[in-house]
Amino acid sequence: MHTINRSLILPYSASEMYGLVDDIDQYYTFLPWCEHSAVLDRKEAQVTARIGISYKGLQTAFTTRNQLIVDQEVIMELVEGPFEHFSGLWFFQSLDVGVCKVSLDMQFSLSSRLANRTLTPIYKYITGTLVESFAKQAKYRYGERQFR
């Protein structure tokens, strides 16, 4: 089982950062490894989405069902994909006006030796840089900000 824990304190509100993470249909526009992204179903507090990955010649896709607590959490669980196990939590903690801590905790294991050998380095890279990628997108979408 692989575990990833990343967090950043950013000069953006929890609501703004949650909005970026919840805007799944736009992932392919700013995540360089994301070939396609789509919301398959959206209900009041739940979204099912599919993400296609293309990185270093390898392509794969997976589907997650995400439980939503608006402006606070996105809890991800695997529906379909090359994983034996996949779960994740985005957590958005408001620290001050216009400042929040964004945390991402993920655990995954792949379903076969071949997938483990070929895909683990890719997933470690992607998950290891995901929070930073959303921070860059916040700067692009909301403008560069300084801490007060």
N, C-alpha and C. Protein backbone atom coordinates (compact mmCIF):
# COMPACT_ATOMS: atom_id res chain seq x y z
N MET A 1 0.86 -1.18 0.00
CA MET A 1 0.00 0.00 0.00
C MET A 1 0.89 1.24 0.00
N HIS A 2 0.60 2.17 -0.87
CA HIS A 2 1.33 3.43 -0.95
C HIS A 2 0.48 4.52 -0.30
N THR A 3 1.12 5.37 0.47
CA THR A 3 0.43 6.46 1.16
C THR A 3 1.08 7.77 0.78
N ILE A 4 0.24 8.75 0.44
CA ILE A 4 0.70 10.09 0.10
C ILE A 4 0.01 11.07 1.02
N ASN A 5 0.78 11.95 1.64
CA ASN A 5 0.22 13.02 2.48
C ASN A 5 0.91 14.32 2.08
N ARG A 6 0.12 15.27 1.59
CA ARG A 6 0.65 16.56 1.18
C ARG A 6 -0.25 17.66 1.72
N SER A 7 0.35 18.79 2.08
CA SER A 7 -0.45 19.94 2.48
C SER A 7 0.32 21.22 2.19
N LEU A 8 -0.44 22.28 1.95
CA LEU A 8 0.11 23.61 1.72
C LEU A 8 -0.79 24.63 2.39
N ILE A 9 -0.20 25.69 2.89
CA ILE A 9 -0.96 26.84 3.35
C ILE A 9 -0.91 27.85 2.21
N LEU A 10 -2.09 28.30 1.78
CA LEU A 10 -2.20 29.13 0.58
C LEU A 10 -2.97 30.42 0.86
N PRO A 11 -2.67 31.49 0.12
CA PRO A 11 -3.38 32.75 0.29
C PRO A 11 -4.69 32.80 -0.50
N TYR A 12 -5.45 31.73 -0.39
CA TYR A 12 -6.76 31.61 -1.03
C TYR A 12 -7.72 31.03 0.00
N SER A 13 -8.99 31.32 -0.15
CA SER A 13 -9.97 30.82 0.81
C SER A 13 -10.22 29.32 0.61
N ALA A 14 -10.73 28.69 1.65
CA ALA A 14 -11.10 27.28 1.56
C ALA A 14 -12.14 27.09 0.46
N SER A 15 -13.06 28.02 0.33
CA SER A 15 -14.09 27.95 -0.70
C SER A 15 -13.48 27.99 -2.10
N GLU A 16 -12.50 28.86 -2.31
CA GLU A 16 -11.86 28.95 -3.63
C GLU A 16 -11.12 27.65 -3.97
N MET A 17 -10.38 27.12 -3.02
CA MET A 17 -9.61 25.89 -3.28
C MET A 17 -10.54 24.69 -3.45
N TYR A 18 -11.57 24.61 -2.64
CA TYR A 18 -12.57 23.55 -2.81
C TYR A 18 -13.17 23.64 -4.21
N GLY A 19 -13.48 24.85 -4.66
CA GLY A 19 -14.06 25.05 -5.99
C GLY A 19 -13.18 24.51 -7.10
N LEU A 20 -11.86 24.69 -6.98
CA LEU A 20 -10.94 24.15 -7.99
C LEU A 20 -10.96 22.62 -8.00
N VAL A 21 -10.92 22.03 -6.82
CA VAL A 21 -10.90 20.56 -6.73
C VAL A 21 -12.23 19.98 -7.22
N ASP A 22 -13.32 20.67 -6.96
CA ASP A 22 -14.64 20.20 -7.38
C ASP A 22 -14.91 20.45 -8.87
N ASP A 23 -14.09 21.24 -9.53
CA ASP A 23 -14.28 21.56 -10.95
C ASP A 23 -13.60 20.50 -11.83
N ILE A 24 -14.01 19.27 -11.67
CA ILE A 24 -13.38 18.11 -12.29
C ILE A 24 -13.34 18.21 -13.81
N ASP A 25 -14.39 18.74 -14.41
CA ASP A 25 -14.44 18.86 -15.87
C ASP A 25 -13.28 19.68 -16.44
N GLN A 26 -12.63 20.49 -15.62
CA GLN A 26 -11.53 21.35 -16.09
C GLN A 26 -10.14 20.79 -15.80
N TYR A 27 -10.03 19.66 -15.12
CA TYR A 27 -8.72 19.12 -14.76
C TYR A 27 -7.79 19.01 -15.98
N TYR A 28 -8.34 18.52 -17.09
CA TYR A 28 -7.50 18.29 -18.27
C TYR A 28 -6.87 19.59 -18.79
N THR A 29 -7.42 20.75 -18.41
CA THR A 29 -6.88 22.02 -18.90
C THR A 29 -5.65 22.49 -18.13
N PHE A 30 -5.41 21.95 -16.93
CA PHE A 30 -4.26 22.44 -16.16
C PHE A 30 -3.42 21.35 -15.51
N LEU A 31 -3.86 20.11 -15.51
CA LEU A 31 -3.02 19.03 -15.00
C LEU A 31 -2.34 18.38 -16.20
N PRO A 32 -1.02 18.50 -16.34
CA PRO A 32 -0.35 18.09 -17.57
C PRO A 32 -0.48 16.61 -17.91
N TRP A 33 -0.70 15.78 -16.94
CA TRP A 33 -0.83 14.34 -17.16
C TRP A 33 -2.28 13.92 -17.41
N CYS A 34 -3.23 14.84 -17.26
CA CYS A 34 -4.65 14.51 -17.38
C CYS A 34 -5.10 14.63 -18.83
N GLU A 35 -5.41 13.50 -19.43
CA GLU A 35 -5.83 13.47 -20.83
C GLU A 35 -7.30 13.86 -20.98
N HIS A 36 -8.12 13.43 -20.06
CA HIS A 36 -9.53 13.81 -20.06
C HIS A 36 -10.07 13.71 -18.65
N SER A 37 -11.12 14.48 -18.39
CA SER A 37 -11.77 14.45 -17.07
C SER A 37 -13.24 14.78 -17.28
N ALA A 38 -14.08 14.04 -16.60
CA ALA A 38 -15.52 14.25 -16.78
C ALA A 38 -16.29 13.84 -15.54
N VAL A 39 -17.30 14.63 -15.23
CA VAL A 39 -18.26 14.27 -14.19
C VAL A 39 -19.28 13.35 -14.85
N LEU A 40 -19.44 12.15 -14.31
CA LEU A 40 -20.39 11.19 -14.85
C LEU A 40 -21.76 11.34 -14.22
N ASP A 41 -21.78 11.73 -12.94
CA ASP A 41 -23.04 11.88 -12.22
C ASP A 41 -22.81 12.84 -11.05
N ARG A 42 -23.75 13.74 -10.84
CA ARG A 42 -23.64 14.66 -9.72
C ARG A 42 -24.97 14.70 -8.99
N LYS A 43 -24.89 14.46 -7.68
CA LYS A 43 -26.04 14.58 -6.80
C LYS A 43 -25.69 15.62 -5.75
N GLU A 44 -26.59 15.87 -4.85
CA GLU A 44 -26.40 16.95 -3.88
C GLU A 44 -25.03 16.91 -3.18
N ALA A 45 -24.67 15.81 -2.61
CA ALA A 45 -23.42 15.73 -1.84
C ALA A 45 -22.50 14.63 -2.37
N GLN A 46 -22.64 14.29 -3.64
CA GLN A 46 -21.85 13.20 -4.21
C GLN A 46 -21.61 13.45 -5.70
N VAL A 47 -20.41 13.15 -6.14
CA VAL A 47 -20.09 13.23 -7.57
C VAL A 47 -19.31 11.99 -7.96
N THR A 48 -19.63 11.44 -9.12
CA THR A 48 -18.88 10.33 -9.70
C THR A 48 -18.16 10.89 -10.92
N ALA A 49 -16.85 10.66 -10.99
CA ALA A 49 -16.05 11.26 -12.05
C ALA A 49 -15.04 10.27 -12.60
N ARG A 50 -14.64 10.49 -13.86
CA ARG A 50 -13.64 9.66 -14.52
C ARG A 50 -12.48 10.56 -14.95
N ILE A 51 -11.28 10.09 -14.65
CA ILE A 51 -10.05 10.81 -14.99
C ILE A 51 -9.20 9.91 -15.88
N GLY A 52 -8.77 10.44 -17.02
CA GLY A 52 -7.87 9.72 -17.91
C GLY A 52 -6.46 10.27 -17.76
N ILE A 53 -5.50 9.38 -17.65
CA ILE A 53 -4.11 9.76 -17.42
C ILE A 53 -3.27 9.32 -18.61
N SER A 54 -2.43 10.22 -19.08
CA SER A 54 -1.45 9.91 -20.11
C SER A 54 -0.13 10.54 -19.66
N TYR A 55 0.85 9.68 -19.40
CA TYR A 55 2.12 10.17 -18.87
C TYR A 55 3.24 9.23 -19.28
N LYS A 56 4.27 9.78 -19.90
CA LYS A 56 5.44 9.01 -20.33
C LYS A 56 5.04 7.77 -21.13
N GLY A 57 4.09 7.94 -22.04
CA GLY A 57 3.69 6.85 -22.93
C GLY A 57 2.70 5.86 -22.36
N LEU A 58 2.39 5.97 -21.10
CA LEU A 58 1.41 5.06 -20.49
C LEU A 58 0.07 5.77 -20.35
N GLN A 59 -0.99 5.03 -20.62
CA GLN A 59 -2.33 5.58 -20.50
C GLN A 59 -3.18 4.67 -19.63
N THR A 60 -3.97 5.29 -18.78
CA THR A 60 -4.90 4.56 -17.93
C THR A 60 -6.01 5.52 -17.51
N ALA A 61 -7.03 5.00 -16.90
CA ALA A 61 -8.13 5.83 -16.42
C ALA A 61 -8.73 5.18 -15.18
N PHE A 62 -9.39 5.99 -14.38
CA PHE A 62 -10.08 5.46 -13.22
C PHE A 62 -11.28 6.32 -12.90
N THR A 63 -12.22 5.73 -12.18
CA THR A 63 -13.45 6.40 -11.79
C THR A 63 -13.55 6.39 -10.27
N THR A 64 -13.91 7.54 -9.70
CA THR A 64 -14.11 7.62 -8.25
C THR A 64 -15.50 8.16 -7.94
N ARG A 65 -15.98 7.80 -6.78
CA ARG A 65 -17.20 8.38 -6.22
C ARG A 65 -16.75 9.25 -5.06
N ASN A 66 -17.09 10.52 -5.13
CA ASN A 66 -16.61 11.49 -4.16
C ASN A 66 -17.76 12.00 -3.30
N GLN A 67 -17.60 11.88 -1.99
CA GLN A 67 -18.56 12.45 -1.05
C GLN A 67 -18.11 13.88 -0.76
N LEU A 68 -19.04 14.82 -0.85
CA LEU A 68 -18.70 16.23 -0.75
C LEU A 68 -19.25 16.87 0.52
N ILE A 69 -18.40 17.58 1.21
CA ILE A 69 -18.82 18.50 2.26
C ILE A 69 -18.33 19.85 1.77
N VAL A 70 -19.25 20.65 1.25
CA VAL A 70 -18.92 21.88 0.53
C VAL A 70 -17.96 22.76 1.32
N ASP A 71 -16.91 23.18 0.63
CA ASP A 71 -15.86 24.07 1.16
C ASP A 71 -15.02 23.45 2.27
N GLN A 72 -15.20 22.15 2.54
CA GLN A 72 -14.46 21.50 3.63
C GLN A 72 -13.73 20.23 3.22
N GLU A 73 -14.43 19.28 2.57
CA GLU A 73 -13.84 17.97 2.30
C GLU A 73 -14.35 17.38 0.99
N VAL A 74 -13.48 16.58 0.38
CA VAL A 74 -13.86 15.69 -0.72
C VAL A 74 -13.29 14.33 -0.36
N ILE A 75 -14.16 13.35 -0.14
CA ILE A 75 -13.74 12.00 0.24
C ILE A 75 -13.90 11.11 -0.98
N MET A 76 -12.79 10.55 -1.47
CA MET A 76 -12.79 9.78 -2.71
C MET A 76 -12.71 8.29 -2.44
N GLU A 77 -13.50 7.53 -3.21
CA GLU A 77 -13.40 6.07 -3.16
C GLU A 77 -13.46 5.53 -4.58
N LEU A 78 -12.75 4.47 -4.81
CA LEU A 78 -12.64 3.87 -6.14
C LEU A 78 -13.94 3.22 -6.57
N VAL A 79 -14.32 3.46 -7.83
CA VAL A 79 -15.42 2.76 -8.46
C VAL A 79 -14.85 1.77 -9.47
N GLU A 80 -13.90 2.25 -10.29
CA GLU A 80 -13.32 1.41 -11.34
C GLU A 80 -11.94 1.93 -11.69
N GLY A 81 -11.01 1.01 -11.96
CA GLY A 81 -9.68 1.41 -12.36
C GLY A 81 -8.66 0.33 -12.06
N PRO A 82 -7.38 0.62 -12.30
CA PRO A 82 -6.33 -0.39 -12.17
C PRO A 82 -5.87 -0.62 -10.73
N PHE A 83 -6.62 -0.12 -9.77
CA PHE A 83 -6.23 -0.24 -8.37
C PHE A 83 -6.89 -1.43 -7.70
N GLU A 84 -6.16 -2.04 -6.79
CA GLU A 84 -6.76 -3.00 -5.87
C GLU A 84 -7.46 -2.22 -4.76
N HIS A 85 -6.82 -1.11 -4.37
CA HIS A 85 -7.39 -0.23 -3.35
C HIS A 85 -7.04 1.21 -3.72
N PHE A 86 -7.98 2.12 -3.54
CA PHE A 86 -7.74 3.55 -3.73
C PHE A 86 -8.70 4.31 -2.85
N SER A 87 -8.18 5.21 -2.05
CA SER A 87 -9.02 6.12 -1.27
C SER A 87 -8.26 7.41 -1.08
N GLY A 88 -9.00 8.47 -0.89
CA GLY A 88 -8.35 9.76 -0.71
C GLY A 88 -9.24 10.76 -0.01
N LEU A 89 -8.61 11.78 0.54
CA LEU A 89 -9.32 12.84 1.22
C LEU A 89 -8.64 14.17 0.92
N TRP A 90 -9.40 15.09 0.34
CA TRP A 90 -9.02 16.49 0.26
C TRP A 90 -9.65 17.16 1.47
N PHE A 91 -8.86 17.97 2.18
CA PHE A 91 -9.38 18.69 3.35
C PHE A 91 -8.98 20.16 3.23
N PHE A 92 -9.95 21.05 3.40
CA PHE A 92 -9.75 22.49 3.25
C PHE A 92 -10.05 23.15 4.59
N GLN A 93 -9.01 23.66 5.24
CA GLN A 93 -9.15 24.25 6.57
C GLN A 93 -8.91 25.76 6.48
N SER A 94 -9.94 26.53 6.78
CA SER A 94 -9.82 27.98 6.80
C SER A 94 -8.98 28.40 8.00
N LEU A 95 -7.92 29.19 7.73
CA LEU A 95 -7.02 29.63 8.80
C LEU A 95 -7.22 31.10 9.15
N ASP A 96 -7.61 31.88 8.16
CA ASP A 96 -7.82 33.31 8.33
C ASP A 96 -8.62 33.77 7.11
N VAL A 97 -8.98 35.02 7.05
CA VAL A 97 -9.71 35.52 5.89
C VAL A 97 -8.80 35.38 4.66
N GLY A 98 -9.26 34.62 3.67
CA GLY A 98 -8.49 34.44 2.45
C GLY A 98 -7.27 33.56 2.58
N VAL A 99 -7.17 32.77 3.64
CA VAL A 99 -6.03 31.87 3.84
C VAL A 99 -6.57 30.51 4.27
N CYS A 100 -6.03 29.45 3.66
CA CYS A 100 -6.45 28.11 4.07
C CYS A 100 -5.29 27.13 3.96
N LYS A 101 -5.47 26.03 4.64
CA LYS A 101 -4.57 24.89 4.52
C LYS A 101 -5.29 23.85 3.68
N VAL A 102 -4.63 23.41 2.60
CA VAL A 102 -5.16 22.37 1.73
C VAL A 102 -4.35 21.12 2.00
N SER A 103 -5.04 20.03 2.33
CA SER A 103 -4.37 18.75 2.61
C SER A 103 -4.94 17.68 1.69
N LEU A 104 -4.06 16.80 1.25
CA LEU A 104 -4.46 15.64 0.45
C LEU A 104 -3.82 14.41 1.06
N ASP A 105 -4.65 13.45 1.43
CA ASP A 105 -4.19 12.16 1.94
C ASP A 105 -4.74 11.09 1.01
N MET A 106 -3.85 10.25 0.48
CA MET A 106 -4.28 9.18 -0.43
C MET A 106 -3.57 7.88 -0.07
N GLN A 107 -4.28 6.79 -0.29
CA GLN A 107 -3.70 5.46 -0.17
C GLN A 107 -4.10 4.70 -1.43
N PHE A 108 -3.14 3.97 -1.98
CA PHE A 108 -3.47 3.14 -3.14
C PHE A 108 -2.55 1.94 -3.23
N SER A 109 -3.08 0.90 -3.83
CA SER A 109 -2.29 -0.25 -4.24
C SER A 109 -2.86 -0.70 -5.57
N LEU A 110 -2.00 -1.26 -6.40
CA LEU A 110 -2.42 -1.66 -7.74
C LEU A 110 -2.73 -3.14 -7.79
N SER A 111 -3.53 -3.51 -8.79
CA SER A 111 -4.13 -4.84 -8.79
C SER A 111 -3.25 -5.95 -9.35
N SER A 112 -2.15 -5.63 -10.02
CA SER A 112 -1.30 -6.69 -10.57
C SER A 112 0.17 -6.30 -10.45
N ARG A 113 1.05 -7.28 -10.58
CA ARG A 113 2.49 -7.00 -10.51
C ARG A 113 2.92 -6.07 -11.64
N LEU A 114 2.40 -6.33 -12.84
CA LEU A 114 2.75 -5.49 -13.98
C LEU A 114 2.28 -4.05 -13.75
N ALA A 115 1.05 -3.90 -13.32
CA ALA A 115 0.52 -2.55 -13.04
C ALA A 115 1.34 -1.91 -11.93
N ASN A 116 1.68 -2.68 -10.91
CA ASN A 116 2.46 -2.14 -9.80
C ASN A 116 3.82 -1.64 -10.29
N ARG A 117 4.47 -2.43 -11.15
CA ARG A 117 5.79 -2.06 -11.64
C ARG A 117 5.74 -0.85 -12.57
N THR A 118 4.75 -0.79 -13.45
CA THR A 118 4.72 0.28 -14.45
C THR A 118 3.99 1.53 -13.97
N LEU A 119 2.95 1.38 -13.18
CA LEU A 119 2.11 2.52 -12.83
C LEU A 119 2.45 3.18 -11.49
N THR A 120 3.04 2.44 -10.56
CA THR A 120 3.34 3.02 -9.25
C THR A 120 4.19 4.29 -9.35
N PRO A 121 5.28 4.30 -10.13
CA PRO A 121 6.06 5.55 -10.22
C PRO A 121 5.23 6.72 -10.77
N ILE A 122 4.35 6.44 -11.71
CA ILE A 122 3.50 7.48 -12.29
C ILE A 122 2.54 8.02 -11.25
N TYR A 123 1.85 7.13 -10.55
CA TYR A 123 0.89 7.57 -9.54
C TYR A 123 1.57 8.28 -8.38
N LYS A 124 2.76 7.85 -8.02
CA LYS A 124 3.49 8.55 -6.96
C LYS A 124 3.85 9.97 -7.40
N TYR A 125 4.27 10.12 -8.66
CA TYR A 125 4.58 11.45 -9.17
C TYR A 125 3.33 12.33 -9.19
N ILE A 126 2.25 11.80 -9.76
CA ILE A 126 1.01 12.57 -9.89
C ILE A 126 0.49 12.98 -8.52
N THR A 127 0.35 12.04 -7.61
CA THR A 127 -0.20 12.37 -6.31
C THR A 127 0.75 13.25 -5.50
N GLY A 128 2.04 13.07 -5.73
CA GLY A 128 3.03 13.87 -5.02
C GLY A 128 3.06 15.33 -5.44
N THR A 129 2.57 15.63 -6.64
CA THR A 129 2.58 17.01 -7.15
C THR A 129 1.18 17.61 -7.28
N LEU A 130 0.17 16.89 -6.87
CA LEU A 130 -1.22 17.32 -7.08
C LEU A 130 -1.57 18.60 -6.33
N VAL A 131 -1.22 18.69 -5.07
CA VAL A 131 -1.56 19.89 -4.29
C VAL A 131 -0.87 21.11 -4.91
N GLU A 132 0.39 20.96 -5.30
CA GLU A 132 1.11 22.06 -5.92
C GLU A 132 0.47 22.47 -7.25
N SER A 133 -0.02 21.51 -8.01
CA SER A 133 -0.69 21.82 -9.28
C SER A 133 -1.95 22.64 -9.05
N PHE A 134 -2.71 22.32 -8.02
CA PHE A 134 -3.90 23.10 -7.71
C PHE A 134 -3.53 24.49 -7.19
N ALA A 135 -2.43 24.60 -6.47
CA ALA A 135 -1.97 25.92 -6.01
C ALA A 135 -1.61 26.80 -7.20
N LYS A 136 -0.94 26.23 -8.21
CA LYS A 136 -0.61 26.99 -9.42
C LYS A 136 -1.88 27.41 -10.16
N GLN A 137 -2.87 26.53 -10.22
CA GLN A 137 -4.12 26.86 -10.88
C GLN A 137 -4.87 27.96 -10.13
N ALA A 138 -4.79 27.96 -8.80
CA ALA A 138 -5.41 29.02 -8.01
C ALA A 138 -4.79 30.37 -8.37
N LYS A 139 -3.47 30.40 -8.50
CA LYS A 139 -2.79 31.64 -8.88
C LYS A 139 -3.27 32.11 -10.26
N TYR A 140 -3.41 31.17 -11.19
CA TYR A 140 -3.87 31.51 -12.54
C TYR A 140 -5.33 31.99 -12.52
N ARG A 141 -6.19 31.25 -11.84
CA ARG A 141 -7.63 31.56 -11.87
C ARG A 141 -8.00 32.77 -11.01
N TYR A 142 -7.41 32.87 -9.83
CA TYR A 142 -7.81 33.91 -8.88
C TYR A 142 -6.82 35.08 -8.79
N GLY A 143 -5.68 34.94 -9.44
CA GLY A 143 -4.66 35.98 -9.37
C GLY A 143 -3.64 35.69 -8.28
N GLU A 144 -2.44 36.21 -8.48
CA GLU A 144 -1.38 36.00 -7.49
C GLU A 144 -1.70 36.83 -6.25
N ARG A 145 -1.56 36.20 -5.11
CA ARG A 145 -1.84 36.87 -3.83
C ARG A 145 -0.69 36.66 -2.87
N GLN A 146 -0.57 37.59 -1.97
CA GLN A 146 0.42 37.50 -0.90
C GLN A 146 -0.31 37.27 0.42
N PHE A 147 0.38 36.66 1.36
CA PHE A 147 -0.18 36.53 2.70
C PHE A 147 -0.18 37.90 3.35
N ARG A 148 -1.21 38.19 4.13
CA ARG A 148 -1.29 39.49 4.81
C ARG A 148 -0.71 39.42 6.19
